[in-house]
PDB file of all heavy atoms in Angstrom:
ATOM      1  N   GLU A   1      12.948  30.328  -1.641  1.00  0.00           N
ATOM      2  CA  GLU A   1      14.109  31.171  -1.382  1.00  0.00           C
ATOM      3  C   GLU A   1      13.794  32.380  -0.502  1.00  0.00           C
ATOM      4  O   GLU A   1      14.584  32.751   0.362  1.00  0.00           O
ATOM      5  CB  GLU A   1      14.744  31.625  -2.698  1.00  0.00           C
ATOM      6  CG  GLU A   1      15.717  30.624  -3.275  1.00  0.00           C
ATOM      7  CD  GLU A   1      16.879  30.345  -2.333  1.00  0.00           C
ATOM      8  OE1 GLU A   1      17.875  31.099  -2.345  1.00  0.00           O
ATOM      9  OE2 GLU A   1      16.801  29.363  -1.550  1.00  0.00           O
ATOM     10  N   GLU A   2      12.634  32.999  -0.714  1.00  0.00           N
ATOM     11  CA  GLU A   2      12.291  34.151   0.112  1.00  0.00           C
ATOM     12  C   GLU A   2      12.183  33.758   1.579  1.00  0.00           C
ATOM     13  O   GLU A   2      12.694  34.450   2.466  1.00  0.00           O
ATOM     14  CB  GLU A   2      10.975  34.774  -0.366  1.00  0.00           C
ATOM     15  CG  GLU A   2      10.605  36.039   0.385  1.00  0.00           C
ATOM     16  CD  GLU A   2       9.335  36.690  -0.140  1.00  0.00           C
ATOM     17  OE1 GLU A   2       8.827  36.262  -1.202  1.00  0.00           O
ATOM     18  OE2 GLU A   2       8.845  37.627   0.511  1.00  0.00           O
ATOM     19  N   GLN A   3      11.522  32.618   1.844  1.00  0.00           N
ATOM     20  CA  GLN A   3      11.388  32.153   3.215  1.00  0.00           C
ATOM     21  C   GLN A   3      12.735  31.698   3.778  1.00  0.00           C
ATOM     22  O   GLN A   3      13.037  31.918   4.966  1.00  0.00           O
ATOM     23  CB  GLN A   3      10.379  31.012   3.300  1.00  0.00           C
ATOM     24  CG  GLN A   3      10.132  30.500   4.718  1.00  0.00           C
ATOM     25  CD  GLN A   3       9.629  31.587   5.652  1.00  0.00           C
ATOM     26  OE1 GLN A   3       8.675  32.297   5.325  1.00  0.00           O
ATOM     27  NE2 GLN A   3      10.250  31.737   6.811  1.00  0.00           N
ATOM     28  N   THR A   4      13.545  31.088   2.932  1.00  0.00           N
ATOM     29  CA  THR A   4      14.877  30.657   3.375  1.00  0.00           C
ATOM     30  C   THR A   4      15.693  31.856   3.845  1.00  0.00           C
ATOM     31  O   THR A   4      16.407  31.785   4.859  1.00  0.00           O
ATOM     32  CB  THR A   4      15.612  29.912   2.247  1.00  0.00           C
ATOM     33  OG1 THR A   4      14.853  28.755   1.873  1.00  0.00           O
ATOM     34  CG2 THR A   4      17.003  29.466   2.694  1.00  0.00           C
ATOM     35  N   MET A   5      15.587  32.963   3.136  1.00  0.00           N
ATOM     36  CA  MET A   5      16.313  34.163   3.541  1.00  0.00           C
ATOM     37  C   MET A   5      15.735  34.759   4.834  1.00  0.00           C
ATOM     38  O   MET A   5      16.468  35.291   5.664  1.00  0.00           O
ATOM     39  CB  MET A   5      16.297  35.197   2.419  1.00  0.00           C
ATOM     40  CG  MET A   5      17.010  34.739   1.147  1.00  0.00           C
ATOM     41  SD  MET A   5      18.717  34.209   1.442  1.00  0.00           S
ATOM     42  CE  MET A   5      19.487  35.775   1.809  1.00  0.00           C
ATOM     43  N   LYS A   6      14.415  34.651   5.009  1.00  0.00           N
ATOM     44  CA  LYS A   6      13.812  35.094   6.269  1.00  0.00           C
ATOM     45  C   LYS A   6      14.309  34.232   7.429  1.00  0.00           C
ATOM     46  O   LYS A   6      14.588  34.743   8.526  1.00  0.00           O
ATOM     47  CB  LYS A   6      12.285  35.036   6.178  1.00  0.00           C
ATOM     48  CG  LYS A   6      11.668  36.094   5.274  1.00  0.00           C
ATOM     49  CD  LYS A   6      10.147  35.963   5.235  1.00  0.00           C
ATOM     50  CE  LYS A   6       9.521  37.025   4.329  1.00  0.00           C
ATOM     51  NZ  LYS A   6       8.030  36.883   4.255  1.00  0.00           N
ATOM     52  N   ASP A   7      14.403  32.915   7.179  1.00  0.00           N
ATOM     53  CA  ASP A   7      14.946  32.018   8.201  1.00  0.00           C
ATOM     54  C   ASP A   7      16.386  32.401   8.548  1.00  0.00           C
ATOM     55  O   ASP A   7      16.800  32.319   9.709  1.00  0.00           O
ATOM     56  CB  ASP A   7      14.916  30.569   7.710  1.00  0.00           C
ATOM     57  CG  ASP A   7      13.500  30.006   7.583  1.00  0.00           C
ATOM     58  OD1 ASP A   7      12.567  30.609   8.152  1.00  0.00           O
ATOM     59  OD2 ASP A   7      13.342  28.976   6.907  1.00  0.00           O
ATOM     60  N   LEU A   8      17.138  32.819   7.533  1.00  0.00           N
ATOM     61  CA  LEU A   8      18.524  33.215   7.753  1.00  0.00           C
ATOM     62  C   LEU A   8      18.600  34.417   8.695  1.00  0.00           C
ATOM     63  O   LEU A   8      19.426  34.451   9.609  1.00  0.00           O
ATOM     64  CB  LEU A   8      19.190  33.542   6.414  1.00  0.00           C
ATOM     65  CG  LEU A   8      20.655  33.993   6.445  1.00  0.00           C
ATOM     66  CD1 LEU A   8      21.532  32.963   7.136  1.00  0.00           C
ATOM     67  CD2 LEU A   8      21.161  34.267   5.028  1.00  0.00           C
ATOM     68  N   VAL A   9      17.736  35.384   8.489  1.00  0.00           N
ATOM     69  CA  VAL A   9      17.711  36.550   9.367  1.00  0.00           C
ATOM     70  C   VAL A   9      17.317  36.143  10.790  1.00  0.00           C
ATOM     71  O   VAL A   9      17.945  36.550  11.776  1.00  0.00           O
ATOM     72  CB  VAL A   9      16.756  37.627   8.819  1.00  0.00           C
ATOM     73  CG1 VAL A   9      16.590  38.764   9.826  1.00  0.00           C
ATOM     74  CG2 VAL A   9      17.264  38.166   7.476  1.00  0.00           C
ATOM     75  N   THR A  10      16.279  35.321  10.896  1.00  0.00           N
ATOM     76  CA  THR A  10      15.786  34.894  12.213  1.00  0.00           C
ATOM     77  C   THR A  10      16.884  34.205  13.017  1.00  0.00           C
ATOM     78  O   THR A  10      17.115  34.543  14.191  1.00  0.00           O
ATOM     79  CB  THR A  10      14.592  33.941  12.051  1.00  0.00           C
ATOM     80  OG1 THR A  10      13.516  34.627  11.423  1.00  0.00           O
ATOM     81  CG2 THR A  10      14.128  33.407  13.406  1.00  0.00           C
ATOM     82  N   LEU A  11      17.576  33.252  12.400  1.00  0.00           N
ATOM     83  CA  LEU A  11      18.601  32.499  13.127  1.00  0.00           C
ATOM     84  C   LEU A  11      19.849  33.338  13.391  1.00  0.00           C
ATOM     85  O   LEU A  11      20.464  33.225  14.459  1.00  0.00           O
ATOM     86  CB  LEU A  11      18.974  31.234  12.349  1.00  0.00           C
ATOM     87  CG  LEU A  11      17.898  30.146  12.293  1.00  0.00           C
ATOM     88  CD1 LEU A  11      18.321  29.010  11.373  1.00  0.00           C
ATOM     89  CD2 LEU A  11      17.593  29.604  13.696  1.00  0.00           C
ATOM     90  N   THR A  12      20.211  34.197  12.442  1.00  0.00           N
ATOM     91  CA  THR A  12      21.394  35.042  12.633  1.00  0.00           C
ATOM     92  C   THR A  12      21.222  35.948  13.845  1.00  0.00           C
ATOM     93  O   THR A  12      22.183  36.193  14.594  1.00  0.00           O
ATOM     94  CB  THR A  12      21.663  35.894  11.376  1.00  0.00           C
ATOM     95  OG1 THR A  12      21.913  35.036  10.259  1.00  0.00           O
ATOM     96  CG2 THR A  12      22.866  36.807  11.580  1.00  0.00           C
ATOM     97  N   GLU A  13      20.019  36.428  14.064  1.00  0.00           N
ATOM     98  CA  GLU A  13      19.783  37.370  15.150  1.00  0.00           C
ATOM     99  C   GLU A  13      19.619  36.693  16.506  1.00  0.00           C
ATOM    100  O   GLU A  13      19.316  37.355  17.509  1.00  0.00           O
ATOM    101  CB  GLU A  13      18.581  38.252  14.820  1.00  0.00           C
ATOM    102  CG  GLU A  13      18.876  39.196  13.639  1.00  0.00           C
ATOM    103  CD  GLU A  13      17.765  40.179  13.344  1.00  0.00           C
ATOM    104  OE1 GLU A  13      16.605  39.903  13.717  1.00  0.00           O
ATOM    105  OE2 GLU A  13      18.054  41.236  12.737  1.00  0.00           O
ATOM    106  N   ILE A  14      19.859  35.377  16.550  1.00  0.00           N
ATOM    107  CA  ILE A  14      19.939  34.654  17.822  1.00  0.00           C
ATOM    108  C   ILE A  14      21.410  34.298  18.032  1.00  0.00           C
ATOM    109  O   ILE A  14      21.931  33.356  17.427  1.00  0.00           O
ATOM    110  CB  ILE A  14      19.076  33.379  17.815  1.00  0.00           C
ATOM    111  CG1 ILE A  14      17.624  33.713  17.478  1.00  0.00           C
ATOM    112  CG2 ILE A  14      19.158  32.679  19.174  1.00  0.00           C
ATOM    113  CD1 ILE A  14      16.744  32.488  17.285  1.00  0.00           C
ATOM    114  N   LEU A  15      22.100  35.056  18.854  1.00  0.00           N
ATOM    115  CA  LEU A  15      23.534  34.860  19.046  1.00  0.00           C
ATOM    116  C   LEU A  15      23.799  33.492  19.681  1.00  0.00           C
ATOM    117  O   LEU A  15      23.108  33.097  20.629  1.00  0.00           O
ATOM    118  CB  LEU A  15      24.093  35.968  19.929  1.00  0.00           C
ATOM    119  CG  LEU A  15      25.602  35.963  20.187  1.00  0.00           C
ATOM    120  CD1 LEU A  15      26.379  36.060  18.878  1.00  0.00           C
ATOM    121  CD2 LEU A  15      25.969  37.107  21.125  1.00  0.00           C
ATOM    122  N   ALA A  16      24.810  32.787  19.161  1.00  0.00           N
ATOM    123  CA  ALA A  16      25.110  31.438  19.638  1.00  0.00           C
ATOM    124  C   ALA A  16      26.621  31.238  19.792  1.00  0.00           C
ATOM    125  O   ALA A  16      27.256  30.563  18.987  1.00  0.00           O
ATOM    126  CB  ALA A  16      24.528  30.398  18.676  1.00  0.00           C
ATOM    127  N   PRO A  17      27.217  31.812  20.845  1.00  0.00           N
ATOM    128  CA  PRO A  17      28.641  31.563  21.086  1.00  0.00           C
ATOM    129  C   PRO A  17      28.868  30.090  21.430  1.00  0.00           C
ATOM    130  O   PRO A  17      27.940  29.394  21.870  1.00  0.00           O
ATOM    131  CB  PRO A  17      28.950  32.443  22.303  1.00  0.00           C
ATOM    132  CG  PRO A  17      27.800  33.380  22.442  1.00  0.00           C
ATOM    133  CD  PRO A  17      26.618  32.668  21.880  1.00  0.00           C
ATOM    134  N   PRO A  18      30.075  29.581  21.245  1.00  0.00           N
ATOM    135  CA  PRO A  18      30.351  28.207  21.664  1.00  0.00           C
ATOM    136  C   PRO A  18      29.991  28.002  23.133  1.00  0.00           C
ATOM    137  O   PRO A  18      30.228  28.877  23.967  1.00  0.00           O
ATOM    138  CB  PRO A  18      31.862  28.072  21.439  1.00  0.00           C
ATOM    139  CG  PRO A  18      32.154  29.025  20.316  1.00  0.00           C
ATOM    140  CD  PRO A  18      31.251  30.198  20.575  1.00  0.00           C
ATOM    141  N   PHE A  19      29.353  26.883  23.421  1.00  0.00           N
ATOM    142  CA  PHE A  19      28.875  26.486  24.748  1.00  0.00           C
ATOM    143  C   PHE A  19      27.574  27.195  25.143  1.00  0.00           C
ATOM    144  O   PHE A  19      27.018  26.919  26.207  1.00  0.00           O
ATOM    145  CB  PHE A  19      29.932  26.724  25.835  1.00  0.00           C
ATOM    146  CG  PHE A  19      31.225  25.996  25.589  1.00  0.00           C
ATOM    147  CD1 PHE A  19      32.311  26.652  25.036  1.00  0.00           C
ATOM    148  CD2 PHE A  19      31.346  24.642  25.885  1.00  0.00           C
ATOM    149  CE1 PHE A  19      33.497  25.990  24.795  1.00  0.00           C
ATOM    150  CE2 PHE A  19      32.531  23.968  25.642  1.00  0.00           C
ATOM    151  CZ  PHE A  19      33.606  24.636  25.092  1.00  0.00           C
ATOM    152  N   LYS A  20      27.070  28.082  24.268  1.00  0.00           N
ATOM    153  CA  LYS A  20      25.824  28.783  24.588  1.00  0.00           C
ATOM    154  C   LYS A  20      24.934  28.814  23.350  1.00  0.00           C
ATOM    155  O   LYS A  20      24.399  29.850  22.967  1.00  0.00           O
ATOM    156  CB  LYS A  20      26.115  30.190  25.106  1.00  0.00           C
ATOM    157  CG  LYS A  20      26.872  30.177  26.424  1.00  0.00           C
ATOM    158  CD  LYS A  20      27.098  31.552  26.986  1.00  0.00           C
ATOM    159  CE  LYS A  20      27.822  31.467  28.325  1.00  0.00           C
ATOM    160  NZ  LYS A  20      28.052  32.800  28.931  1.00  0.00           N
ATOM    161  N   GLU A  21      24.755  27.630  22.757  1.00  0.00           N
ATOM    162  CA  GLU A  21      23.974  27.516  21.526  1.00  0.00           C
ATOM    163  C   GLU A  21      22.506  27.171  21.769  1.00  0.00           C
ATOM    164  O   GLU A  21      21.730  27.025  20.826  1.00  0.00           O
ATOM    165  CB  GLU A  21      24.570  26.434  20.608  1.00  0.00           C
ATOM    166  CG  GLU A  21      26.022  26.627  20.222  1.00  0.00           C
ATOM    167  CD  GLU A  21      26.991  25.845  21.101  1.00  0.00           C
ATOM    168  OE1 GLU A  21      26.603  25.505  22.251  1.00  0.00           O
ATOM    169  OE2 GLU A  21      28.106  25.569  20.659  1.00  0.00           O
ATOM    170  N   GLU A  22      22.107  27.030  23.035  1.00  0.00           N
ATOM    171  CA  GLU A  22      20.786  26.482  23.358  1.00  0.00           C
ATOM    172  C   GLU A  22      19.631  27.270  22.738  1.00  0.00           C
ATOM    173  O   GLU A  22      18.705  26.679  22.167  1.00  0.00           O
ATOM    174  CB  GLU A  22      20.603  26.420  24.878  1.00  0.00           C
ATOM    175  CG  GLU A  22      19.286  25.776  25.291  1.00  0.00           C
ATOM    176  CD  GLU A  22      19.119  25.690  26.798  1.00  0.00           C
ATOM    177  OE1 GLU A  22      20.025  26.157  27.522  1.00  0.00           O
ATOM    178  OE2 GLU A  22      18.081  25.167  27.249  1.00  0.00           O
ATOM    179  N   LYS A  23      19.664  28.596  22.834  1.00  0.00           N
ATOM    180  CA  LYS A  23      18.541  29.393  22.334  1.00  0.00           C
ATOM    181  C   LYS A  23      18.396  29.240  20.820  1.00  0.00           C
ATOM    182  O   LYS A  23      17.295  29.036  20.306  1.00  0.00           O
ATOM    183  CB  LYS A  23      18.722  30.857  22.704  1.00  0.00           C
ATOM    184  CG  LYS A  23      17.521  31.734  22.372  1.00  0.00           C
ATOM    185  CD  LYS A  23      17.715  33.161  22.856  1.00  0.00           C
ATOM    186  CE  LYS A  23      16.513  34.025  22.506  1.00  0.00           C
ATOM    187  NZ  LYS A  23      16.695  35.444  22.943  1.00  0.00           N
ATOM    188  N   ARG A  24      19.502  29.323  20.107  1.00  0.00           N
ATOM    189  CA  ARG A  24      19.432  29.128  18.660  1.00  0.00           C
ATOM    190  C   ARG A  24      19.033  27.688  18.342  1.00  0.00           C
ATOM    191  O   ARG A  24      18.282  27.442  17.396  1.00  0.00           O
ATOM    192  CB  ARG A  24      20.773  29.455  17.996  1.00  0.00           C
ATOM    193  CG  ARG A  24      20.729  29.246  16.488  1.00  0.00           C
ATOM    194  CD  ARG A  24      22.046  29.525  15.800  1.00  0.00           C
ATOM    195  NE  ARG A  24      22.276  30.950  15.622  1.00  0.00           N
ATOM    196  CZ  ARG A  24      23.189  31.446  14.793  1.00  0.00           C
ATOM    197  NH1 ARG A  24      23.960  30.633  14.087  1.00  0.00           N
ATOM    198  NH2 ARG A  24      23.339  32.748  14.664  1.00  0.00           N
ATOM    199  N   GLY A  25      19.533  26.748  19.125  1.00  0.00           N
ATOM    200  CA  GLY A  25      19.173  25.347  18.915  1.00  0.00           C
ATOM    201  C   GLY A  25      17.678  25.111  19.006  1.00  0.00           C
ATOM    202  O   GLY A  25      17.100  24.352  18.223  1.00  0.00           O
ATOM    203  N   LYS A  26      17.029  25.791  19.948  1.00  0.00           N
ATOM    204  CA  LYS A  26      15.573  25.641  20.096  1.00  0.00           C
ATOM    205  C   LYS A  26      14.838  26.195  18.876  1.00  0.00           C
ATOM    206  O   LYS A  26      13.859  25.604  18.410  1.00  0.00           O
ATOM    207  CB  LYS A  26      15.103  26.345  21.369  1.00  0.00           C
ATOM    208  CG  LYS A  26      15.496  25.616  22.648  1.00  0.00           C
ATOM    209  CD  LYS A  26      14.997  26.359  23.884  1.00  0.00           C
ATOM    210  CE  LYS A  26      15.358  25.599  25.154  1.00  0.00           C
ATOM    211  NZ  LYS A  26      14.911  26.321  26.384  1.00  0.00           N
ATOM    212  N   ALA A  27      15.307  27.336  18.369  1.00  0.00           N
ATOM    213  CA  ALA A  27      14.674  27.917  17.177  1.00  0.00           C
ATOM    214  C   ALA A  27      14.874  27.014  15.964  1.00  0.00           C
ATOM    215  O   ALA A  27      13.953  26.809  15.166  1.00  0.00           O
ATOM    216  CB  ALA A  27      15.248  29.302  16.910  1.00  0.00           C
ATOM    217  N   PHE A  28      16.073  26.466  15.828  1.00  0.00           N
ATOM    218  CA  PHE A  28      16.356  25.555  14.719  1.00  0.00           C
ATOM    219  C   PHE A  28      15.504  24.287  14.841  1.00  0.00           C
ATOM    220  O   PHE A  28      14.977  23.776  13.846  1.00  0.00           O
ATOM    221  CB  PHE A  28      17.841  25.207  14.703  1.00  0.00           C
ATOM    222  CG  PHE A  28      18.234  24.249  13.616  1.00  0.00           C
ATOM    223  CD1 PHE A  28      18.158  24.616  12.278  1.00  0.00           C
ATOM    224  CD2 PHE A  28      18.694  22.976  13.926  1.00  0.00           C
ATOM    225  CE1 PHE A  28      18.520  23.728  11.263  1.00  0.00           C
ATOM    226  CE2 PHE A  28      19.064  22.085  12.931  1.00  0.00           C
ATOM    227  CZ  PHE A  28      18.974  22.463  11.595  1.00  0.00           C
ATOM    228  N   ALA A  29      15.328  23.798  16.064  1.00  0.00           N
ATOM    229  CA  ALA A  29      14.502  22.611  16.283  1.00  0.00           C
ATOM    230  C   ALA A  29      13.062  22.855  15.835  1.00  0.00           C
ATOM    231  O   ALA A  29      12.429  21.989  15.208  1.00  0.00           O
ATOM    232  CB  ALA A  29      14.532  22.219  17.761  1.00  0.00           C
ATOM    233  N   GLN A  30      12.531  24.034  16.139  1.00  0.00           N
ATOM    234  CA  GLN A  30      11.164  24.353  15.715  1.00  0.00           C
ATOM    235  C   GLN A  30      11.056  24.407  14.195  1.00  0.00           C
ATOM    236  O   GLN A  30      10.049  23.987  13.615  1.00  0.00           O
ATOM    237  CB  GLN A  30      10.727  25.682  16.331  1.00  0.00           C
ATOM    238  CG  GLN A  30      10.501  25.619  17.834  1.00  0.00           C
ATOM    239  CD  GLN A  30       9.458  24.563  18.215  1.00  0.00           C
ATOM    240  OE1 GLN A  30       8.364  24.505  17.642  1.00  0.00           O
ATOM    241  NE2 GLN A  30       9.806  23.720  19.171  1.00  0.00           N
ATOM    242  N   MET A  31      12.098  24.898  13.538  1.00  0.00           N
ATOM    243  CA  MET A  31      12.099  24.919  12.067  1.00  0.00           C
ATOM    244  C   MET A  31      12.130  23.503  11.497  1.00  0.00           C
ATOM    245  O   MET A  31      11.464  23.209  10.500  1.00  0.00           O
ATOM    246  CB  MET A  31      13.306  25.721  11.560  1.00  0.00           C
ATOM    247  CG  MET A  31      13.198  27.217  11.796  1.00  0.00           C
ATOM    248  SD  MET A  31      14.660  28.101  11.151  1.00  0.00           S
ATOM    249  CE  MET A  31      14.222  29.795  11.552  1.00  0.00           C
ATOM    250  N   LEU A  32      12.897  22.617  12.122  1.00  0.00           N
ATOM    251  CA  LEU A  32      12.941  21.217  11.668  1.00  0.00           C
ATOM    252  C   LEU A  32      11.575  20.559  11.825  1.00  0.00           C
ATOM    253  O   LEU A  32      11.120  19.821  10.940  1.00  0.00           O
ATOM    254  CB  LEU A  32      13.993  20.435  12.466  1.00  0.00           C
ATOM    255  CG  LEU A  32      15.456  20.632  12.094  1.00  0.00           C
ATOM    256  CD1 LEU A  32      16.348  19.862  13.063  1.00  0.00           C
ATOM    257  CD2 LEU A  32      15.735  20.180  10.666  1.00  0.00           C
ATOM    258  N   ILE A  33      10.935  20.823  12.946  1.00  0.00           N
ATOM    259  CA  ILE A  33       9.599  20.245  13.180  1.00  0.00           C
ATOM    260  C   ILE A  33       8.614  20.754  12.137  1.00  0.00           C
ATOM    261  O   ILE A  33       7.852  19.981  11.545  1.00  0.00           O
ATOM    262  CB  ILE A  33       9.112  20.579  14.609  1.00  0.00           C
ATOM    263  CG1 ILE A  33       9.965  19.833  15.641  1.00  0.00           C
ATOM    264  CG2 ILE A  33       7.638  20.219  14.770  1.00  0.00           C
ATOM    265  CD1 ILE A  33       9.724  20.276  17.074  1.00  0.00           C
ATOM    266  N   ALA A  34       8.639  22.056  11.892  1.00  0.00           N
ATOM    267  CA  ALA A  34       7.730  22.640  10.899  1.00  0.00           C
ATOM    268  C   ALA A  34       8.021  22.115   9.491  1.00  0.00           C
ATOM    269  O   ALA A  34       7.104  21.969   8.675  1.00  0.00           O
ATOM    270  CB  ALA A  34       7.853  24.167  10.923  1.00  0.00           C
ATOM    271  N   ALA A  35       9.290  21.808   9.220  1.00  0.00           N
ATOM    272  CA  ALA A  35       9.666  21.296   7.897  1.00  0.00           C
ATOM    273  C   ALA A  35       9.309  19.829   7.721  1.00  0.00           C
ATOM    274  O   ALA A  35       9.274  19.338   6.591  1.00  0.00           O
ATOM    275  CB  ALA A  35      11.165  21.491   7.665  1.00  0.00           C
ATOM    276  N   GLY A  36       9.060  19.119   8.836  1.00  0.00           N
ATOM    277  CA  GLY A  36       8.543  17.764   8.712  1.00  0.00           C
ATOM    278  C   GLY A  36       9.481  16.624   9.013  1.00  0.00           C
ATOM    279  O   GLY A  36       9.475  15.604   8.309  1.00  0.00           O
ATOM    280  N   VAL A  37      10.312  16.738  10.079  1.00  0.00           N
ATOM    281  CA  VAL A  37      11.110  15.578  10.480  1.00  0.00           C
ATOM    282  C   VAL A  37      10.195  14.549  11.148  1.00  0.00           C
ATOM    283  O   VAL A  37       9.137  14.883  11.680  1.00  0.00           O
ATOM    284  CB  VAL A  37      12.246  15.963  11.448  1.00  0.00           C
ATOM    285  CG1 VAL A  37      13.349  16.683  10.725  1.00  0.00           C
ATOM    286  CG2 VAL A  37      11.730  16.779  12.618  1.00  0.00           C
ATOM    287  N   ASP A  38      10.610  13.298  11.119  1.00  0.00           N
ATOM    288  CA  ASP A  38       9.803  12.237  11.733  1.00  0.00           C
ATOM    289  C   ASP A  38       9.932  12.229  13.249  1.00  0.00           C
ATOM    290  O   ASP A  38       8.999  11.878  13.962  1.00  0.00           O
ATOM    291  CB  ASP A  38      10.216  10.876  11.162  1.00  0.00           C
ATOM    292  CG  ASP A  38       9.836  10.743   9.693  1.00  0.00           C
ATOM    293  OD1 ASP A  38       8.698  11.111   9.344  1.00  0.00           O
ATOM    294  OD2 ASP A  38      10.677  10.296   8.893  1.00  0.00           O
ATOM    295  N   SER A  39      11.116  12.577  13.733  1.00  0.00           N
ATOM    296  CA  SER A  39      11.314  12.736  15.177  1.00  0.00           C
ATOM    297  C   SER A  39      12.478  13.685  15.409  1.00  0.00           C
ATOM    298  O   SER A  39      13.285  13.925  14.497  1.00  0.00           O
ATOM    299  CB  SER A  39      11.579  11.385  15.860  1.00  0.00           C
ATOM    300  OG  SER A  39      12.758  10.781  15.360  1.00  0.00           O
ATOM    301  N   LEU A  40      12.549  14.211  16.617  1.00  0.00           N
ATOM    302  CA  LEU A  40      13.580  15.214  16.896  1.00  0.00           C
ATOM    303  C   LEU A  40      13.983  15.133  18.355  1.00  0.00           C
ATOM    304  O   LEU A  40      13.152  14.903  19.234  1.00  0.00           O
ATOM    305  CB  LEU A  40      13.052  16.615  16.568  1.00  0.00           C
ATOM    306  CG  LEU A  40      14.051  17.755  16.766  1.00  0.00           C
ATOM    307  CD1 LEU A  40      13.992  18.747  15.615  1.00  0.00           C
ATOM    308  CD2 LEU A  40      13.803  18.473  18.107  1.00  0.00           C
ATOM    309  N   TRP A  41      15.284  15.302  18.621  1.00  0.00           N
ATOM    310  CA  TRP A  41      15.761  15.357  19.990  1.00  0.00           C
ATOM    311  C   TRP A  41      17.030  16.220  20.063  1.00  0.00           C
ATOM    312  O   TRP A  41      17.696  16.453  19.050  1.00  0.00           O
ATOM    313  CB  TRP A  41      16.023  13.967  20.548  1.00  0.00           C
ATOM    314  CG  TRP A  41      17.173  13.212  19.925  1.00  0.00           C
ATOM    315  CD1 TRP A  41      18.452  13.100  20.382  1.00  0.00           C
ATOM    316  CD2 TRP A  41      17.129  12.428  18.714  1.00  0.00           C
ATOM    317  NE1 TRP A  41      19.205  12.315  19.551  1.00  0.00           N
ATOM    318  CE2 TRP A  41      18.421  11.871  18.518  1.00  0.00           C
ATOM    319  CE3 TRP A  41      16.122  12.135  17.777  1.00  0.00           C
ATOM    320  CZ2 TRP A  41      18.735  11.066  17.430  1.00  0.00           C
ATOM    321  CZ3 TRP A  41      16.424  11.326  16.690  1.00  0.00           C
ATOM    322  CH2 TRP A  41      17.708  10.794  16.528  1.00  0.00           C
TER     323      TRP A  41
END
């Protein structure tokens, strides 16, 4: 839970308006990789 809340702060502070989600998407992708997905695109 402590790390989950840290992740919440990290992602919240990456602004993602509609059509401009790329930067937040990259951060979320890195979190998925670190969490252990088998593949990602």
